[in-house]
Amino acid sequence: MLRMDQVNKIRKDFSVKNLSINKISQKHHRSGNTVNRYVHLSSEELSKTPTRTKSKSVITENVIVAINSFIDEEVEKKSIGNKNILLILF
């Protein structure tokens, strides 16, 4: 898929500068079929932006609960560890 600036340059070369599809394909380093496709597209078809389907998230409610419980356990271990160190020092 070409960016819009590339498409506009190709269409300008064809319609304004009257270059052949072969010359345009050589100039822009694109295949002749690609240049031909974009030259003959209507403005309505060009304005349609392709949409990507958003992939579903991997994180489920169970995963969130498991992560939160793990973090809570680590916090408890650290606080207990600090208390034991303080008791040993004093």
PDB file of N, CA and C in Angstrom:
ATOM      1  N   MET A   1       0.848  -1.176   0.000  1.00  0.00           N
ATOM      2  CA  MET A   1       0.000   0.000   0.000  1.00  0.00           C
ATOM      3  C   MET A   1       0.890   1.235   0.000  1.00  0.00           C
ATOM      4  N   LEU A   2       0.647   2.097  -0.924  1.00  0.00           N
ATOM      5  CA  LEU A   2       1.430   3.324  -1.034  1.00  0.00           C
ATOM      6  C   LEU A   2       0.860   4.399  -0.126  1.00  0.00           C
ATOM      7  N   ARG A   3       1.733   5.284   0.317  1.00  0.00           N
ATOM      8  CA  ARG A   3       1.269   6.444   1.083  1.00  0.00           C
ATOM      9  C   ARG A   3       0.595   7.419   0.134  1.00  0.00           C
ATOM     10  N   MET A   4      -0.205   8.305   0.702  1.00  0.00           N
ATOM     11  CA  MET A   4      -0.965   9.236  -0.132  1.00  0.00           C
ATOM     12  C   MET A   4      -0.049  10.184  -0.905  1.00  0.00           C
ATOM     13  N   ASP A   5       1.073  10.590  -0.324  1.00  0.00           N
ATOM     14  CA  ASP A   5       1.963  11.482  -1.068  1.00  0.00           C
ATOM     15  C   ASP A   5       2.548  10.778  -2.296  1.00  0.00           C
ATOM     16  N   GLN A   6       2.831   9.485  -2.173  1.00  0.00           N
ATOM     17  CA  GLN A   6       3.336   8.728  -3.310  1.00  0.00           C
ATOM     18  C   GLN A   6       2.261   8.571  -4.385  1.00  0.00           C
ATOM     19  N   VAL A   7       1.040   8.304  -3.945  1.00  0.00           N
ATOM     20  CA  VAL A   7      -0.072   8.168  -4.893  1.00  0.00           C
ATOM     21  C   VAL A   7      -0.297   9.480  -5.629  1.00  0.00           C
ATOM     22  N   ASN A   8      -0.250  10.583  -4.892  1.00  0.00           N
ATOM     23  CA  ASN A   8      -0.468  11.893  -5.519  1.00  0.00           C
ATOM     24  C   ASN A   8       0.610  12.218  -6.546  1.00  0.00           C
ATOM     25  N   LYS A   9       1.860  11.864  -6.250  1.00  0.00           N
ATOM     26  CA  LYS A   9       2.941  12.106  -7.210  1.00  0.00           C
ATOM     27  C   LYS A   9       2.740  11.285  -8.478  1.00  0.00           C
ATOM     28  N   ILE A  10       2.339  10.041  -8.306  1.00  0.00           N
ATOM     29  CA  ILE A  10       2.109   9.174  -9.465  1.00  0.00           C
ATOM     30  C   ILE A  10       0.963   9.713 -10.308  1.00  0.00           C
ATOM     31  N   ARG A  11      -0.128  10.087  -9.662  1.00  0.00           N
ATOM     32  CA  ARG A  11      -1.290  10.599 -10.406  1.00  0.00           C
ATOM     33  C   ARG A  11      -0.978  11.933 -11.087  1.00  0.00           C
ATOM     34  N   LYS A  12      -0.160  12.769 -10.420  1.00  0.00           N
ATOM     35  CA  LYS A  12       0.227  14.054 -11.015  1.00  0.00           C
ATOM     36  C   LYS A  12       1.097  13.829 -12.251  1.00  0.00           C
ATOM     37  N   ASP A  13       2.048  12.901 -12.145  1.00  0.00           N
ATOM     38  CA  ASP A  13       2.902  12.606 -13.300  1.00  0.00           C
ATOM     39  C   ASP A  13       2.080  12.112 -14.487  1.00  0.00           C
ATOM     40  N   PHE A  14       1.038  11.363 -14.225  1.00  0.00           N
ATOM     41  CA  PHE A  14       0.221  10.825 -15.312  1.00  0.00           C
ATOM     42  C   PHE A  14      -0.700  11.885 -15.906  1.00  0.00           C
ATOM     43  N   SER A  15      -1.390  12.633 -15.035  1.00  0.00           N
ATOM     44  CA  SER A  15      -2.416  13.546 -15.555  1.00  0.00           C
ATOM     45  C   SER A  15      -1.856  14.906 -15.971  1.00  0.00           C
ATOM     46  N   VAL A  16      -0.903  15.450 -15.216  1.00  0.00           N
ATOM     47  CA  VAL A  16      -0.398  16.792 -15.516  1.00  0.00           C
ATOM     48  C   VAL A  16       0.800  16.738 -16.460  1.00  0.00           C
ATOM     49  N   LYS A  17       1.764  15.881 -16.140  1.00  0.00           N
ATOM     50  CA  LYS A  17       2.988  15.821 -16.946  1.00  0.00           C
ATOM     51  C   LYS A  17       2.863  14.882 -18.142  1.00  0.00           C
ATOM     52  N   ASN A  18       1.758  14.154 -18.218  1.00  0.00           N
ATOM     53  CA  ASN A  18       1.481  13.240 -19.335  1.00  0.00           C
ATOM     54  C   ASN A  18       2.583  12.207 -19.555  1.00  0.00           C
ATOM     55  N   LEU A  19       3.151  11.698 -18.467  1.00  0.00           N
ATOM     56  CA  LEU A  19       4.145  10.632 -18.585  1.00  0.00           C
ATOM     57  C   LEU A  19       3.434   9.298 -18.768  1.00  0.00           C
ATOM     58  N   SER A  20       4.099   8.384 -19.439  1.00  0.00           N
ATOM     59  CA  SER A  20       3.514   7.056 -19.629  1.00  0.00           C
ATOM     60  C   SER A  20       3.644   6.257 -18.333  1.00  0.00           C
ATOM     61  N   ILE A  21       2.861   5.202 -18.245  1.00  0.00           N
ATOM     62  CA  ILE A  21       2.890   4.351 -17.054  1.00  0.00           C
ATOM     63  C   ILE A  21       4.266   3.720 -16.893  1.00  0.00           C
ATOM     64  N   ASN A  22       4.900   3.371 -18.002  1.00  0.00           N
ATOM     65  CA  ASN A  22       6.241   2.797 -17.957  1.00  0.00           C
ATOM     66  C   ASN A  22       7.249   3.795 -17.384  1.00  0.00           C
ATOM     67  N   LYS A  23       7.204   5.039 -17.836  1.00  0.00           N
ATOM     68  CA  LYS A  23       8.129   6.072 -17.338  1.00  0.00           C
ATOM     69  C   LYS A  23       7.881   6.340 -15.850  1.00  0.00           C
ATOM     70  N   ILE A  24       6.608   6.390 -15.460  1.00  0.00           N
ATOM     71  CA  ILE A  24       6.266   6.644 -14.053  1.00  0.00           C
ATOM     72  C   ILE A  24       6.759   5.498 -13.180  1.00  0.00           C
ATOM     73  N   SER A  25       6.589   4.267 -13.654  1.00  0.00           N
ATOM     74  CA  SER A  25       7.036   3.121 -12.861  1.00  0.00           C
ATOM     75  C   SER A  25       8.549   3.122 -12.695  1.00  0.00           C
ATOM     76  N   GLN A  26       9.280   3.535 -13.719  1.00  0.00           N
ATOM     77  CA  GLN A  26      10.733   3.629 -13.606  1.00  0.00           C
ATOM     78  C   GLN A  26      11.136   4.763 -12.670  1.00  0.00           C
ATOM     79  N   LYS A  27      10.452   5.884 -12.772  1.00  0.00           N
ATOM     80  CA  LYS A  27      10.786   7.057 -11.962  1.00  0.00           C
ATOM     81  C   LYS A  27      10.550   6.798 -10.473  1.00  0.00           C
ATOM     82  N   HIS A  28       9.444   6.128 -10.150  1.00  0.00           N
ATOM     83  CA  HIS A  28       9.068   5.920  -8.749  1.00  0.00           C
ATOM     84  C   HIS A  28       9.458   4.540  -8.223  1.00  0.00           C
ATOM     85  N   HIS A  29      10.115   3.748  -9.052  1.00  0.00           N
ATOM     86  CA  HIS A  29      10.566   2.408  -8.664  1.00  0.00           C
ATOM     87  C   HIS A  29       9.401   1.541  -8.195  1.00  0.00           C
ATOM     88  N   ARG A  30       8.346   1.536  -8.977  1.00  0.00           N
ATOM     89  CA  ARG A  30       7.159   0.723  -8.713  1.00  0.00           C
ATOM     90  C   ARG A  30       6.872  -0.116  -9.949  1.00  0.00           C
ATOM     91  N   SER A  31       6.107  -1.178  -9.762  1.00  0.00           N
ATOM     92  CA  SER A  31       5.750  -1.999 -10.924  1.00  0.00           C
ATOM     93  C   SER A  31       4.709  -1.273 -11.767  1.00  0.00           C
ATOM     94  N   GLY A  32       4.648  -1.661 -13.024  1.00  0.00           N
ATOM     95  CA  GLY A  32       3.678  -1.056 -13.930  1.00  0.00           C
ATOM     96  C   GLY A  32       2.246  -1.315 -13.498  1.00  0.00           C
ATOM     97  N   ASN A  33       2.001  -2.507 -12.937  1.00  0.00           N
ATOM     98  CA  ASN A  33       0.652  -2.829 -12.464  1.00  0.00           C
ATOM     99  C   ASN A  33       0.241  -1.927 -11.305  1.00  0.00           C
ATOM    100  N   THR A  34       1.170  -1.648 -10.405  1.00  0.00           N
ATOM    101  CA  THR A  34       0.867  -0.770  -9.274  1.00  0.00           C
ATOM    102  C   THR A  34       0.552   0.633  -9.757  1.00  0.00           C
ATOM    103  N   VAL A  35       1.374   1.146 -10.653  1.00  0.00           N
ATOM    104  CA  VAL A  35       1.147   2.490 -11.192  1.00  0.00           C
ATOM    105  C   VAL A  35      -0.188   2.532 -11.924  1.00  0.00           C
ATOM    106  N   ASN A  36      -0.466   1.527 -12.732  1.00  0.00           N
ATOM    107  CA  ASN A  36      -1.719   1.472 -13.481  1.00  0.00           C
ATOM    108  C   ASN A  36      -2.927   1.464 -12.538  1.00  0.00           C
ATOM    109  N   ARG A  37      -2.820   0.707 -11.448  1.00  0.00           N
ATOM    110  CA  ARG A  37      -3.920   0.630 -10.491  1.00  0.00           C
ATOM    111  C   ARG A  37      -4.213   1.989  -9.879  1.00  0.00           C
ATOM    112  N   TYR A  38      -3.175   2.696  -9.446  1.00  0.00           N
ATOM    113  CA  TYR A  38      -3.388   3.980  -8.779  1.00  0.00           C
ATOM    114  C   TYR A  38      -3.750   5.089  -9.759  1.00  0.00           C
ATOM    115  N   VAL A  39      -3.315   4.987 -10.990  1.00  0.00           N
ATOM    116  CA  VAL A  39      -3.660   5.998 -11.988  1.00  0.00           C
ATOM    117  C   VAL A  39      -5.142   5.922 -12.332  1.00  0.00           C
ATOM    118  N   HIS A  40      -5.684   4.719 -12.399  1.00  0.00           N
ATOM    119  CA  HIS A  40      -7.067   4.545 -12.828  1.00  0.00           C
ATOM    120  C   HIS A  40      -8.066   4.453 -11.677  1.00  0.00           C
ATOM    121  N   LEU A  41      -7.634   4.628 -10.445  1.00  0.00           N
ATOM    122  CA  LEU A  41      -8.577   4.648  -9.327  1.00  0.00           C
ATOM    123  C   LEU A  41      -9.362   5.948  -9.338  1.00  0.00           C
ATOM    124  N   SER A  42     -10.621   5.862  -8.962  1.00  0.00           N
ATOM    125  CA  SER A  42     -11.422   7.086  -8.861  1.00  0.00           C
ATOM    126  C   SER A  42     -11.096   7.783  -7.544  1.00  0.00           C
ATOM    127  N   SER A  43     -11.456   9.035  -7.453  1.00  0.00           N
ATOM    128  CA  SER A  43     -11.165   9.794  -6.230  1.00  0.00           C
ATOM    129  C   SER A  43     -11.942   9.241  -5.045  1.00  0.00           C
ATOM    130  N   GLU A  44     -13.120   8.660  -5.298  1.00  0.00           N
ATOM    131  CA  GLU A  44     -13.898   8.051  -4.214  1.00  0.00           C
ATOM    132  C   GLU A  44     -13.179   6.842  -3.643  1.00  0.00           C
ATOM    133  N   GLU A  45     -12.608   6.028  -4.521  1.00  0.00           N
ATOM    134  CA  GLU A  45     -11.889   4.847  -4.058  1.00  0.00           C
ATOM    135  C   GLU A  45     -10.605   5.232  -3.336  1.00  0.00           C
ATOM    136  N   LEU A  46      -9.988   6.327  -3.748  1.00  0.00           N
ATOM    137  CA  LEU A  46      -8.773   6.785  -3.071  1.00  0.00           C
ATOM    138  C   LEU A  46      -9.070   7.327  -1.684  1.00  0.00           C
ATOM    139  N   SER A  47     -10.241   7.930  -1.517  1.00  0.00           N
ATOM    140  CA  SER A  47     -10.563   8.535  -0.225  1.00  0.00           C
ATOM    141  C   SER A  47     -10.911   7.498   0.828  1.00  0.00           C
ATOM    142  N   LYS A  48     -11.255   6.294   0.392  1.00  0.00           N
ATOM    143  CA  LYS A  48     -11.542   5.231   1.350  1.00  0.00           C
ATOM    144  C   LYS A  48     -10.236   4.796   1.999  1.00  0.00           C
ATOM    145  N   THR A  49     -10.155   4.962   3.296  1.00  0.00           N
ATOM    146  CA  THR A  49      -8.945   4.542   3.993  1.00  0.00           C
ATOM    147  C   THR A  49      -9.133   3.117   4.488  1.00  0.00           C
ATOM    148  N   PRO A  50      -8.171   2.268   4.275  1.00  0.00           N
ATOM    149  CA  PRO A  50      -8.305   0.898   4.758  1.00  0.00           C
ATOM    150  C   PRO A  50      -8.253   0.864   6.284  1.00  0.00           C
ATOM    151  N   THR A  51      -9.077   0.031   6.855  1.00  0.00           N
ATOM    152  CA  THR A  51      -9.097  -0.086   8.312  1.00  0.00           C
ATOM    153  C   THR A  51      -8.489  -1.415   8.709  1.00  0.00           C
ATOM    154  N   ARG A  52      -7.760  -1.374   9.784  1.00  0.00           N
ATOM    155  CA  ARG A  52      -7.174  -2.595  10.316  1.00  0.00           C
ATOM    156  C   ARG A  52      -8.081  -3.128  11.409  1.00  0.00           C
ATOM    157  N   THR A  53      -8.193  -4.417  11.448  1.00  0.00           N
ATOM    158  CA  THR A  53      -8.976  -5.008  12.515  1.00  0.00           C
ATOM    159  C   THR A  53      -8.108  -5.067  13.753  1.00  0.00           C
ATOM    160  N   LYS A  54      -8.658  -4.597  14.842  1.00  0.00           N
ATOM    161  CA  LYS A  54      -7.899  -4.561  16.086  1.00  0.00           C
ATOM    162  C   LYS A  54      -7.915  -5.948  16.711  1.00  0.00           C
ATOM    163  N   SER A  55      -6.738  -6.434  17.022  1.00  0.00           N
ATOM    164  CA  SER A  55      -6.663  -7.748  17.636  1.00  0.00           C
ATOM    165  C   SER A  55      -7.155  -7.667  19.073  1.00  0.00           C
ATOM    166  N   LYS A  56      -7.744  -8.747  19.525  1.00  0.00           N
ATOM    167  CA  LYS A  56      -8.280  -8.771  20.877  1.00  0.00           C
ATOM    168  C   LYS A  56      -7.144  -8.833  21.880  1.00  0.00           C
ATOM    169  N   SER A  57      -7.395  -8.247  23.012  1.00  0.00           N
ATOM    170  CA  SER A  57      -6.384  -8.192  24.058  1.00  0.00           C
ATOM    171  C   SER A  57      -6.169  -9.573  24.657  1.00  0.00           C
ATOM    172  N   VAL A  58      -4.940  -9.849  25.023  1.00  0.00           N
ATOM    173  CA  VAL A  58      -4.605 -11.132  25.621  1.00  0.00           C
ATOM    174  C   VAL A  58      -4.960 -11.133  27.105  1.00  0.00           C
ATOM    175  N   ILE A  59      -4.952  -9.965  27.698  1.00  0.00           N
ATOM    176  CA  ILE A  59      -5.215  -9.876  29.131  1.00  0.00           C
ATOM    177  C   ILE A  59      -6.701 -10.059  29.388  1.00  0.00           C
ATOM    178  N   THR A  60      -7.009 -11.067  30.190  1.00  0.00           N
ATOM    179  CA  THR A  60      -8.383 -11.301  30.607  1.00  0.00           C
ATOM    180  C   THR A  60      -8.499 -10.935  32.077  1.00  0.00           C
ATOM    181  N   GLU A  61      -9.699 -11.033  32.593  1.00  0.00           N
ATOM    182  CA  GLU A  61      -9.921 -10.706  34.007  1.00  0.00           C
ATOM    183  C   GLU A  61      -9.121 -11.640  34.915  1.00  0.00           C
ATOM    184  N   ASN A  62      -9.022 -12.915  34.539  1.00  0.00           N
ATOM    185  CA  ASN A  62      -8.259 -13.877  35.344  1.00  0.00           C
ATOM    186  C   ASN A  62      -6.777 -13.513  35.392  1.00  0.00           C
ATOM    187  N   VAL A  63      -6.237 -13.056  34.290  1.00  0.00           N
ATOM    188  CA  VAL A  63      -4.827 -12.679  34.242  1.00  0.00           C
ATOM    189  C   VAL A  63      -4.581 -11.455  35.117  1.00  0.00           C
ATOM    190  N   ILE A  64      -5.478 -10.491  35.079  1.00  0.00           N
ATOM    191  CA  ILE A  64      -5.333  -9.284  35.899  1.00  0.00           C
ATOM    192  C   ILE A  64      -5.362  -9.643  37.377  1.00  0.00           C
ATOM    193  N   VAL A  65      -6.281 -10.523  37.774  1.00  0.00           N
ATOM    194  CA  VAL A  65      -6.368 -10.949  39.178  1.00  0.00           C
ATOM    195  C   VAL A  65      -5.087 -11.665  39.587  1.00  0.00           C
ATOM    196  N   ALA A  66      -4.561 -12.526  38.719  1.00  0.00           N
ATOM    197  CA  ALA A  66      -3.334 -13.259  39.038  1.00  0.00           C
ATOM    198  C   ALA A  66      -2.148 -12.312  39.184  1.00  0.00           C
ATOM    199  N   ILE A  67      -2.045 -11.319  38.322  1.00  0.00           N
ATOM    200  CA  ILE A  67      -0.942 -10.356  38.405  1.00  0.00           C
ATOM    201  C   ILE A  67      -1.044  -9.540  39.683  1.00  0.00           C
ATOM    202  N   ASN A  68      -2.247  -9.070  40.000  1.00  0.00           N
ATOM    203  CA  ASN A  68      -2.427  -8.276  41.221  1.00  0.00           C
ATOM    204  C   ASN A  68      -2.125  -9.089  42.467  1.00  0.00           C
ATOM    205  N   SER A  69      -2.535 -10.355  42.508  1.00  0.00           N
ATOM    206  CA  SER A  69      -2.242 -11.183  43.681  1.00  0.00           C
ATOM    207  C   SER A  69      -0.741 -11.428  43.800  1.00  0.00           C
ATOM    208  N   PHE A  70      -0.051 -11.617  42.681  1.00  0.00           N
ATOM    209  CA  PHE A  70       1.396 -11.807  42.717  1.00  0.00           C
ATOM    210  C   PHE A  70       2.093 -10.561  43.256  1.00  0.00           C
ATOM    211  N   ILE A  71       1.662  -9.399  42.796  1.00  0.00           N
ATOM    212  CA  ILE A  71       2.263  -8.146  43.266  1.00  0.00           C
ATOM    213  C   ILE A  71       2.001  -7.953  44.752  1.00  0.00           C
ATOM    214  N   ASP A  72       0.781  -8.262  45.199  1.00  0.00           N
ATOM    215  CA  ASP A  72       0.460  -8.133  46.624  1.00  0.00           C
ATOM    216  C   ASP A  72       1.326  -9.058  47.469  1.00  0.00           C
ATOM    217  N   GLU A  73       1.551 -10.291  47.010  1.00  0.00           N
ATOM    218  CA  GLU A  73       2.411 -11.229  47.737  1.00  0.00           C
ATOM    219  C   GLU A  73       3.841 -10.703  47.828  1.00  0.00           C
ATOM    220  N   GLU A  74       4.343 -10.132  46.747  1.00  0.00           N
ATOM    221  CA  GLU A  74       5.702  -9.592  46.756  1.00  0.00           C
ATOM    222  C   GLU A  74       5.822  -8.417  47.717  1.00  0.00           C
ATOM    223  N   VAL A  75       4.808  -7.581  47.777  1.00  0.00           N
ATOM    224  CA  VAL A  75       4.827  -6.448  48.703  1.00  0.00           C
ATOM    225  C   VAL A  75       4.817  -6.949  50.138  1.00  0.00           C
ATOM    226  N   GLU A  76       4.009  -7.977  50.431  1.00  0.00           N
ATOM    227  CA  GLU A  76       3.971  -8.543  51.782  1.00  0.00           C
ATOM    228  C   GLU A  76       5.318  -9.159  52.147  1.00  0.00           C
ATOM    229  N   LYS A  77       5.936  -9.885  51.230  1.00  0.00           N
ATOM    230  CA  LYS A  77       7.241 -10.492  51.499  1.00  0.00           C
ATOM    231  C   LYS A  77       8.277  -9.424  51.807  1.00  0.00           C
ATOM    232  N   LYS A  78       8.249  -8.337  51.068  1.00  0.00           N
ATOM    233  CA  LYS A  78       9.228  -7.278  51.275  1.00  0.00           C
ATOM    234  C   LYS A  78       9.010  -6.600  52.618  1.00  0.00           C
ATOM    235  N   SER A  79       7.753  -6.330  52.985  1.00  0.00           N
ATOM    236  CA  SER A  79       7.496  -5.661  54.262  1.00  0.00           C
ATOM    237  C   SER A  79       7.847  -6.574  55.428  1.00  0.00           C
ATOM    238  N   ILE A  80       7.578  -7.875  55.318  1.00  0.00           N
ATOM    239  CA  ILE A  80       7.957  -8.811  56.377  1.00  0.00           C
ATOM    240  C   ILE A  80       9.470  -8.908  56.459  1.00  0.00           C
ATOM    241  N   GLY A  81      10.133  -8.929  55.332  1.00  0.00           N
ATOM    242  CA  GLY A  81      11.589  -9.007  55.305  1.00  0.00           C
ATOM    243  C   GLY A  81      12.225  -7.802  55.964  1.00  0.00           C
ATOM    244  N   ASN A  82      11.707  -6.615  55.759  1.00  0.00           N
ATOM    245  CA  ASN A  82      12.255  -5.412  56.378  1.00  0.00           C
ATOM    246  C   ASN A  82      12.050  -5.426  57.878  1.00  0.00           C
ATOM    247  N   LYS A  83      10.917  -5.925  58.351  1.00  0.00           N
ATOM    248  CA  LYS A  83      10.663  -5.998  59.794  1.00  0.00           C
ATOM    249  C   LYS A  83      11.650  -6.946  60.448  1.00  0.00           C
ATOM    250  N   ASN A  84      11.901  -8.094  59.810  1.00  0.00           N
ATOM    251  CA  ASN A  84      12.851  -9.050  60.371  1.00  0.00           C
ATOM    252  C   ASN A  84      14.249  -8.453  60.426  1.00  0.00           C
ATOM    253  N   ILE A  85      14.631  -7.714  59.430  1.00  0.00           N
ATOM    254  CA  ILE A  85      15.953  -7.093  59.420  1.00  0.00           C
ATOM    255  C   ILE A  85      16.042  -6.058  60.533  1.00  0.00           C
ATOM    256  N   LEU A  86      14.995  -5.283  60.723  1.00  0.00           N
ATOM    257  CA  LEU A  86      14.998  -4.275  61.783  1.00  0.00           C
ATOM    258  C   LEU A  86      15.073  -4.924  63.156  1.00  0.00           C
ATOM    259  N   LEU A  87      14.363  -6.049  63.362  1.00  0.00           N
ATOM    260  CA  LEU A  87      14.406  -6.731  64.653  1.00  0.00           C
ATOM    261  C   LEU A  87      15.801  -7.278  64.931  1.00  0.00           C
ATOM    262  N   ILE A  88      16.462  -7.775  63.927  1.00  0.00           N
ATOM    263  CA  ILE A  88      17.808  -8.322  64.101  1.00  0.00           C
ATOM    264  C   ILE A  88      18.796  -7.201  64.412  1.00  0.00           C
ATOM    265  N   LEU A  89      18.666  -6.063  63.776  1.00  0.00           N
ATOM    266  CA  LEU A  89      19.601  -4.968  63.985  1.00  0.00           C
ATOM    267  C   LEU A  89      19.462  -4.355  65.373  1.00  0.00           C
ATOM    268  N   PHE A  90      18.241  -4.250  65.898  1.00  0.00           N
ATOM    269  CA  PHE A  90      18.047  -3.590  67.196  1.00  0.00           C
ATOM    270  C   PHE A  90      17.805  -4.623  68.210  1.00  0.00           C
TER     271      PHE A  90
END
